[in-house]
Amino acid sequence: MIRIQRAAERYAGGTPETGEPGIDTRHAFSFGRFYDPDNLRFGALLACNEERLAPGAGFDEHPHSHTEIVTWVVEGELTHRDSTGRATVVRPGDLQHLSSAAGVRHVERNDGPAPLVFVQMWLAPREPGGTPSYEVVRGIADATPYAIPAAGALLHVRRLELGDRTALPDADFLYVHVARGTVRLAGEELGEGDAARVTGETGLVMLATGDAEVLVWEMGGASAGV
């Protein structure tokens, strides 16, 4: 089964919710005041938020716990600071992973001169608690999936040129998010911000109908919830 969620179908968040100007958020799953009991998670994935921050805008210090947080910058620069003392700048092509474990606080801001666009994805760990950890992988390669063992998940980054084809992994749960460009999957055209939730399918091939960057989550059956 393949369920398509269009960019326009996402829940609109941002400034009205945060009280700070310059933030535009689009939620793929139930989030905050946007509650839908039929859209709480998919596999281990709890959130897939598209964030657009104007220069100088951002999220002030706030807490997280028992969540694996993966951030992918599409354009601009994301400044991150957290309660463990880490401070980094994350740029396009970099992957950021914050394991909030038993609890951590962090700040996310656009301290750069240009608009910032990033995708932030939250995954449920199989076991709660533990010690927070943080990692930034600079310039992650297409052929190297990033593993989140705590959530039983792998993230594949696919950068495609027009006409390229790529096989998608066979998995119990497969979540495909188009970060930029356009692709065709199972006869459906997907554009920026569109996503596909795939269960029970094998042998899928994705075709780039324009230059594209796609994030693909591969999750096993132990990632409870649909």
C-alpha atoms as a PDB file:
ATOM      1  CA  MET A   1       0.000   0.000   0.000  1.00  0.00           C
ATOM      2  CA  ILE A   2       1.217   3.488  -0.873  1.00  0.00           C
ATOM      3  CA  ARG A   3      -0.342   6.557   0.718  1.00  0.00           C
ATOM      4  CA  ILE A   4       0.589   9.940  -0.735  1.00  0.00           C
ATOM      5  CA  GLN A   5       0.548  13.088   1.382  1.00  0.00           C
ATOM      6  CA  ARG A   6       0.842  16.296  -0.622  1.00  0.00           C
ATOM      7  CA  ALA A   7       2.733  19.305   0.681  1.00  0.00           C
ATOM      8  CA  ALA A   8      -0.505  21.294   0.791  1.00  0.00           C
ATOM      9  CA  GLU A   9      -2.090  18.664   3.064  1.00  0.00           C
ATOM     10  CA  ARG A  10       0.385  19.252   5.876  1.00  0.00           C
ATOM     11  CA  TYR A  11      -0.715  21.007   9.056  1.00  0.00           C
ATOM     12  CA  ALA A  12       0.365  24.652   9.061  1.00  0.00           C
ATOM     13  CA  GLY A  13       2.296  25.693  12.152  1.00  0.00           C
ATOM     14  CA  GLY A  14       4.845  28.410  12.718  1.00  0.00           C
ATOM     15  CA  THR A  15       4.373  31.953  13.914  1.00  0.00           C
ATOM     16  CA  PRO A  16       0.845  31.649  15.389  1.00  0.00           C
ATOM     17  CA  GLU A  17       2.017  28.720  17.507  1.00  0.00           C
ATOM     18  CA  THR A  18       5.450  29.994  18.512  1.00  0.00           C
ATOM     19  CA  GLY A  19       4.618  33.644  18.932  1.00  0.00           C
ATOM     20  CA  GLU A  20       7.796  34.584  17.043  1.00  0.00           C
ATOM     21  CA  PRO A  21       7.792  36.062  13.540  1.00  0.00           C
ATOM     22  CA  GLY A  22       9.742  34.578  10.673  1.00  0.00           C
ATOM     23  CA  ILE A  23       8.854  30.909  11.266  1.00  0.00           C
ATOM     24  CA  ASP A  24       6.786  28.843   8.830  1.00  0.00           C
ATOM     25  CA  THR A  25       6.255  25.178   9.762  1.00  0.00           C
ATOM     26  CA  ARG A  26       4.468  22.353   7.933  1.00  0.00           C
ATOM     27  CA  HIS A  27       3.726  19.171   9.922  1.00  0.00           C
ATOM     28  CA  ALA A  28       3.218  15.778   8.257  1.00  0.00           C
ATOM     29  CA  PHE A  29       1.928  14.161  11.482  1.00  0.00           C
ATOM     30  CA  SER A  30      -0.154  15.217  14.470  1.00  0.00           C
ATOM     31  CA  PHE A  31       1.829  17.858  16.293  1.00  0.00           C
ATOM     32  CA  GLY A  32       0.983  20.219  19.143  1.00  0.00           C
ATOM     33  CA  ARG A  33      -2.464  21.706  18.654  1.00  0.00           C
ATOM     34  CA  PHE A  34      -2.889  19.814  15.374  1.00  0.00           C
ATOM     35  CA  TYR A  35      -4.233  16.495  16.691  1.00  0.00           C
ATOM     36  CA  ASP A  36      -5.385  13.678  14.437  1.00  0.00           C
ATOM     37  CA  PRO A  37      -5.690  10.260  16.143  1.00  0.00           C
ATOM     38  CA  ASP A  38      -5.316   8.555  12.762  1.00  0.00           C
ATOM     39  CA  ASN A  39      -2.045  10.332  11.986  1.00  0.00           C
ATOM     40  CA  LEU A  40       0.128   9.913  15.055  1.00  0.00           C
ATOM     41  CA  ARG A  41       3.079   8.026  13.567  1.00  0.00           C
ATOM     42  CA  PHE A  42       4.298   5.775  10.788  1.00  0.00           C
ATOM     43  CA  GLY A  43       6.647   3.016  11.852  1.00  0.00           C
ATOM     44  CA  ALA A  44       9.132   4.683  14.191  1.00  0.00           C
ATOM     45  CA  LEU A  45       8.520   8.104  12.627  1.00  0.00           C
ATOM     46  CA  LEU A  46       6.670  10.550  14.896  1.00  0.00           C
ATOM     47  CA  ALA A  47       7.236  13.812  13.041  1.00  0.00           C
ATOM     48  CA  CYS A  48       8.444  15.132   9.717  1.00  0.00           C
ATOM     49  CA  ASN A  49       8.407  18.916   9.929  1.00  0.00           C
ATOM     50  CA  GLU A  50       9.375  21.282   7.135  1.00  0.00           C
ATOM     51  CA  GLU A  51      10.754  24.455   8.694  1.00  0.00           C
ATOM     52  CA  ARG A  52      11.376  27.796   7.019  1.00  0.00           C
ATOM     53  CA  LEU A  53      13.134  30.422   9.138  1.00  0.00           C
ATOM     54  CA  ALA A  54      13.797  33.991   8.090  1.00  0.00           C
ATOM     55  CA  PRO A  55      17.208  35.474   8.986  1.00  0.00           C
ATOM     56  CA  GLY A  56      17.298  36.116  12.729  1.00  0.00           C
ATOM     57  CA  ALA A  57      14.349  33.816  13.496  1.00  0.00           C
ATOM     58  CA  GLY A  58      14.456  30.608  15.451  1.00  0.00           C
ATOM     59  CA  PHE A  59      13.284  28.413  18.298  1.00  0.00           C
ATOM     60  CA  ASP A  60      14.438  29.495  21.744  1.00  0.00           C
ATOM     61  CA  GLU A  61      15.652  26.923  24.268  1.00  0.00           C
ATOM     62  CA  HIS A  62      13.149  24.090  24.652  1.00  0.00           C
ATOM     63  CA  PRO A  63      13.264  20.512  26.002  1.00  0.00           C
ATOM     64  CA  HIS A  64      13.163  17.092  24.347  1.00  0.00           C
ATOM     65  CA  SER A  65      13.259  13.583  25.791  1.00  0.00           C
ATOM     66  CA  HIS A  66      12.939   9.983  24.586  1.00  0.00           C
ATOM     67  CA  THR A  67      13.188  11.036  20.926  1.00  0.00           C
ATOM     68  CA  GLU A  68      15.730  10.547  18.145  1.00  0.00           C
ATOM     69  CA  ILE A  69      15.845  13.862  16.236  1.00  0.00           C
ATOM     70  CA  VAL A  70      17.329  13.957  12.734  1.00  0.00           C
ATOM     71  CA  THR A  71      17.671  17.258  10.870  1.00  0.00           C
ATOM     72  CA  TRP A  72      18.427  17.795   7.178  1.00  0.00           C
ATOM     73  CA  VAL A  73      19.215  21.292   5.921  1.00  0.00           C
ATOM     74  CA  VAL A  74      17.906  22.009   2.417  1.00  0.00           C
ATOM     75  CA  GLU A  75      19.224  25.571   2.138  1.00  0.00           C
ATOM     76  CA  GLY A  76      20.798  28.139   4.433  1.00  0.00           C
ATOM     77  CA  GLU A  77      22.526  27.544   7.764  1.00  0.00           C
ATOM     78  CA  LEU A  78      21.093  26.144  10.999  1.00  0.00           C
ATOM     79  CA  THR A  79      22.750  27.181  14.260  1.00  0.00           C
ATOM     80  CA  HIS A  80      22.323  24.603  17.034  1.00  0.00           C
ATOM     81  CA  ARG A  81      23.184  24.907  20.726  1.00  0.00           C
ATOM     82  CA  ASP A  82      22.203  22.468  23.460  1.00  0.00           C
ATOM     83  CA  SER A  83      22.445  21.899  27.189  1.00  0.00           C
ATOM     84  CA  THR A  84      25.393  19.514  26.784  1.00  0.00           C
ATOM     85  CA  GLY A  85      27.496  22.485  25.651  1.00  0.00           C
ATOM     86  CA  ARG A  86      27.580  21.677  21.953  1.00  0.00           C
ATOM     87  CA  ALA A  87      27.311  24.487  19.408  1.00  0.00           C
ATOM     88  CA  THR A  88      27.379  23.780  15.671  1.00  0.00           C
ATOM     89  CA  VAL A  89      26.337  25.209  12.315  1.00  0.00           C
ATOM     90  CA  VAL A  90      24.615  22.696  10.022  1.00  0.00           C
ATOM     91  CA  ARG A  91      24.620  23.324   6.264  1.00  0.00           C
ATOM     92  CA  PRO A  92      23.131  21.655   3.157  1.00  0.00           C
ATOM     93  CA  GLY A  93      24.453  18.131   2.756  1.00  0.00           C
ATOM     94  CA  ASP A  94      25.053  17.744   6.498  1.00  0.00           C
ATOM     95  CA  LEU A  95      23.000  15.403   8.669  1.00  0.00           C
ATOM     96  CA  GLN A  96      22.405  16.269  12.323  1.00  0.00           C
ATOM     97  CA  HIS A  97      21.321  13.641  14.863  1.00  0.00           C
ATOM     98  CA  LEU A  98      20.355  14.538  18.425  1.00  0.00           C
ATOM     99  CA  SER A  99      19.428  11.627  20.676  1.00  0.00           C
ATOM    100  CA  SER A 100      17.496  13.368  23.445  1.00  0.00           C
ATOM    101  CA  ALA A 101      17.380  10.214  25.616  1.00  0.00           C
ATOM    102  CA  ALA A 102      16.461  11.040  29.234  1.00  0.00           C
ATOM    103  CA  GLY A 103      16.376  14.760  28.485  1.00  0.00           C
ATOM    104  CA  VAL A 104      18.139  17.638  26.751  1.00  0.00           C
ATOM    105  CA  ARG A 105      17.413  21.279  25.938  1.00  0.00           C
ATOM    106  CA  HIS A 106      18.433  23.015  22.748  1.00  0.00           C
ATOM    107  CA  VAL A 107      18.185  26.173  20.640  1.00  0.00           C
ATOM    108  CA  GLU A 108      17.736  26.246  16.865  1.00  0.00           C
ATOM    109  CA  ARG A 109      18.165  29.515  14.972  1.00  0.00           C
ATOM    110  CA  ASN A 110      18.869  31.068  11.616  1.00  0.00           C
ATOM    111  CA  ASP A 111      21.822  33.294  12.425  1.00  0.00           C
ATOM    112  CA  GLY A 112      22.821  33.509   8.771  1.00  0.00           C
ATOM    113  CA  PRO A 113      22.014  36.197   6.197  1.00  0.00           C
ATOM    114  CA  ALA A 114      19.799  34.035   3.963  1.00  0.00           C
ATOM    115  CA  PRO A 115      16.510  32.155   4.480  1.00  0.00           C
ATOM    116  CA  LEU A 116      16.860  28.741   6.123  1.00  0.00           C
ATOM    117  CA  VAL A 117      14.924  25.644   5.037  1.00  0.00           C
ATOM    118  CA  PHE A 118      15.305  22.356   6.882  1.00  0.00           C
ATOM    119  CA  VAL A 119      13.445  19.105   7.446  1.00  0.00           C
ATOM    120  CA  GLN A 120      13.328  17.763  10.985  1.00  0.00           C
ATOM    121  CA  MET A 121      12.266  14.197  11.675  1.00  0.00           C
ATOM    122  CA  TRP A 122      11.532  12.635  15.071  1.00  0.00           C
ATOM    123  CA  LEU A 123      11.697   8.904  15.726  1.00  0.00           C
ATOM    124  CA  ALA A 124      10.572   6.878  18.728  1.00  0.00           C
ATOM    125  CA  PRO A 125      13.332   4.832  20.371  1.00  0.00           C
ATOM    126  CA  ARG A 126      12.627   1.208  21.204  1.00  0.00           C
ATOM    127  CA  GLU A 127      13.709   1.828  24.799  1.00  0.00           C
ATOM    128  CA  PRO A 128      13.344   5.116  26.724  1.00  0.00           C
ATOM    129  CA  GLY A 129      16.026   6.835  28.758  1.00  0.00           C
ATOM    130  CA  GLY A 130      19.763   6.785  28.389  1.00  0.00           C
ATOM    131  CA  THR A 131      22.366   9.509  27.938  1.00  0.00           C
ATOM    132  CA  PRO A 132      21.863  12.250  25.318  1.00  0.00           C
ATOM    133  CA  SER A 133      24.227  12.174  22.331  1.00  0.00           C
ATOM    134  CA  TYR A 134      24.867  14.412  19.352  1.00  0.00           C
ATOM    135  CA  GLU A 135      26.469  13.981  15.942  1.00  0.00           C
ATOM    136  CA  VAL A 136      26.821  15.923  12.710  1.00  0.00           C
ATOM    137  CA  VAL A 137      27.835  14.019   9.572  1.00  0.00           C
ATOM    138  CA  ARG A 138      29.317  16.463   7.096  1.00  0.00           C
ATOM    139  CA  GLY A 139      28.506  15.849   3.429  1.00  0.00           C
ATOM    140  CA  ILE A 140      26.813  12.483   3.869  1.00  0.00           C
ATOM    141  CA  ALA A 141      27.204  10.259   0.807  1.00  0.00           C
ATOM    142  CA  ASP A 142      24.267   8.928  -1.215  1.00  0.00           C
ATOM    143  CA  ALA A 143      25.496   5.357  -1.000  1.00  0.00           C
ATOM    144  CA  THR A 144      25.912   5.361   2.776  1.00  0.00           C
ATOM    145  CA  PRO A 145      22.676   5.030   4.785  1.00  0.00           C
ATOM    146  CA  TYR A 146      22.635   6.585   8.237  1.00  0.00           C
ATOM    147  CA  ALA A 147      21.576   4.161  10.943  1.00  0.00           C
ATOM    148  CA  ILE A 148      19.469   4.993  14.001  1.00  0.00           C
ATOM    149  CA  PRO A 149      19.796   1.665  15.856  1.00  0.00           C
ATOM    150  CA  ALA A 150      17.816   2.951  18.842  1.00  0.00           C
ATOM    151  CA  ALA A 151      14.751   3.307  16.580  1.00  0.00           C
ATOM    152  CA  GLY A 152      15.455   0.406  14.201  1.00  0.00           C
ATOM    153  CA  ALA A 153      15.685   2.797  11.256  1.00  0.00           C
ATOM    154  CA  LEU A 154      17.960   3.703   8.345  1.00  0.00           C
ATOM    155  CA  LEU A 155      17.946   7.009   6.462  1.00  0.00           C
ATOM    156  CA  HIS A 156      18.884   6.935   2.778  1.00  0.00           C
ATOM    157  CA  VAL A 157      19.655  10.195   0.973  1.00  0.00           C
ATOM    158  CA  ARG A 158      19.033  10.092  -2.768  1.00  0.00           C
ATOM    159  CA  ARG A 159      20.376  12.922  -4.947  1.00  0.00           C
ATOM    160  CA  LEU A 160      19.146  12.386  -8.483  1.00  0.00           C
ATOM    161  CA  GLU A 161      19.492  14.073 -11.847  1.00  0.00           C
ATOM    162  CA  LEU A 162      16.746  14.197 -14.442  1.00  0.00           C
ATOM    163  CA  GLY A 163      16.134  10.687 -15.770  1.00  0.00           C
ATOM    164  CA  ASP A 164      17.976   8.870 -12.977  1.00  0.00           C
ATOM    165  CA  ARG A 165      16.340   5.798 -11.497  1.00  0.00           C
ATOM    166  CA  THR A 166      16.981   4.388  -8.050  1.00  0.00           C
ATOM    167  CA  ALA A 167      15.701   1.240  -6.379  1.00  0.00           C
ATOM    168  CA  LEU A 168      14.074   1.734  -3.006  1.00  0.00           C
ATOM    169  CA  PRO A 169      14.754  -0.729  -0.200  1.00  0.00           C
ATOM    170  CA  ASP A 170      12.182  -3.374   0.657  1.00  0.00           C
ATOM    171  CA  ALA A 171      11.032  -2.706   4.214  1.00  0.00           C
ATOM    172  CA  ASP A 172       8.084  -3.134   6.537  1.00  0.00           C
ATOM    173  CA  PHE A 173       7.739   0.653   6.580  1.00  0.00           C
ATOM    174  CA  LEU A 174       9.172   3.025   3.961  1.00  0.00           C
ATOM    175  CA  TYR A 175       8.745   6.795   4.211  1.00  0.00           C
ATOM    176  CA  VAL A 176       9.762   8.860   1.180  1.00  0.00           C
ATOM    177  CA  HIS A 177      10.034  12.651   1.502  1.00  0.00           C
ATOM    178  CA  VAL A 178      10.916  14.899  -1.446  1.00  0.00           C
ATOM    179  CA  ALA A 179      13.153  17.663  -0.093  1.00  0.00           C
ATOM    180  CA  ARG A 180      13.626  19.293  -3.493  1.00  0.00           C
ATOM    181  CA  GLY A 181      12.802  18.610  -7.142  1.00  0.00           C
ATOM    182  CA  THR A 182      10.342  16.097  -8.601  1.00  0.00           C
ATOM    183  CA  VAL A 183      10.193  12.299  -8.838  1.00  0.00           C
ATOM    184  CA  ARG A 184       7.783   9.604  -9.981  1.00  0.00           C
ATOM    185  CA  LEU A 185       6.952   6.681  -7.710  1.00  0.00           C
ATOM    186  CA  ALA A 186       4.466   3.933  -8.610  1.00  0.00           C
ATOM    187  CA  GLY A 187       2.902   6.181 -11.254  1.00  0.00           C
ATOM    188  CA  GLU A 188       2.522   9.156  -8.892  1.00  0.00           C
ATOM    189  CA  GLU A 189       4.318  12.467  -9.450  1.00  0.00           C
ATOM    190  CA  LEU A 190       5.821  13.801  -6.218  1.00  0.00           C
ATOM    191  CA  GLY A 191       7.063  17.360  -5.815  1.00  0.00           C
ATOM    192  CA  GLU A 192       8.788  19.313  -3.081  1.00  0.00           C
ATOM    193  CA  GLY A 193       7.212  18.618   0.301  1.00  0.00           C
ATOM    194  CA  ASP A 194       5.254  15.606  -0.941  1.00  0.00           C
ATOM    195  CA  ALA A 195       5.711  12.284   0.846  1.00  0.00           C
ATOM    196  CA  ALA A 196       4.794   8.634   0.376  1.00  0.00           C
ATOM    197  CA  ARG A 197       4.125   6.132   3.151  1.00  0.00           C
ATOM    198  CA  VAL A 198       4.763   2.626   1.866  1.00  0.00           C
ATOM    199  CA  THR A 199       3.852  -0.713   3.440  1.00  0.00           C
ATOM    200  CA  GLY A 200       3.746  -4.179   1.908  1.00  0.00           C
ATOM    201  CA  GLU A 201       5.465  -3.202  -1.361  1.00  0.00           C
ATOM    202  CA  THR A 202       8.634  -4.632  -2.883  1.00  0.00           C
ATOM    203  CA  GLY A 203      10.772  -3.855  -5.892  1.00  0.00           C
ATOM    204  CA  LEU A 204       9.876  -0.148  -6.041  1.00  0.00           C
ATOM    205  CA  VAL A 205      11.888   2.090  -8.357  1.00  0.00           C
ATOM    206  CA  MET A 206      11.874   5.885  -8.186  1.00  0.00           C
ATOM    207  CA  LEU A 207      12.413   8.005 -11.320  1.00  0.00           C
ATOM    208  CA  ALA A 208      13.695  11.576 -11.219  1.00  0.00           C
ATOM    209  CA  THR A 209      11.502  13.779 -13.420  1.00  0.00           C
ATOM    210  CA  GLY A 210      13.772  16.709 -12.533  1.00  0.00           C
ATOM    211  CA  ASP A 211      16.903  17.124 -10.438  1.00  0.00           C
ATOM    212  CA  ALA A 212      15.853  15.939  -6.980  1.00  0.00           C
ATOM    213  CA  GLU A 213      16.910  15.327  -3.397  1.00  0.00           C
ATOM    214  CA  VAL A 214      14.873  12.694  -1.553  1.00  0.00           C
ATOM    215  CA  LEU A 215      14.991  11.410   2.034  1.00  0.00           C
ATOM    216  CA  VAL A 216      13.993   7.757   2.420  1.00  0.00           C
ATOM    217  CA  TRP A 217      13.390   6.155   5.820  1.00  0.00           C
ATOM    218  CA  GLU A 218      13.655   2.369   5.971  1.00  0.00           C
ATOM    219  CA  MET A 219      12.061   0.951   9.121  1.00  0.00           C
ATOM    220  CA  GLY A 220      11.500  -2.576  10.362  1.00  0.00           C
ATOM    221  CA  GLY A 221       8.445  -4.258  11.813  1.00  0.00           C
ATOM    222  CA  ALA A 222       9.759  -3.746  15.346  1.00  0.00           C
ATOM    223  CA  SER A 223       9.032  -0.040  14.787  1.00  0.00           C
ATOM    224  CA  ALA A 224       5.525  -0.349  16.167  1.00  0.00           C
ATOM    225  CA  GLY A 225       2.658   1.766  14.909  1.00  0.00           C
ATOM    226  CA  VAL A 226       1.287   2.718  11.504  1.00  0.00           C
END
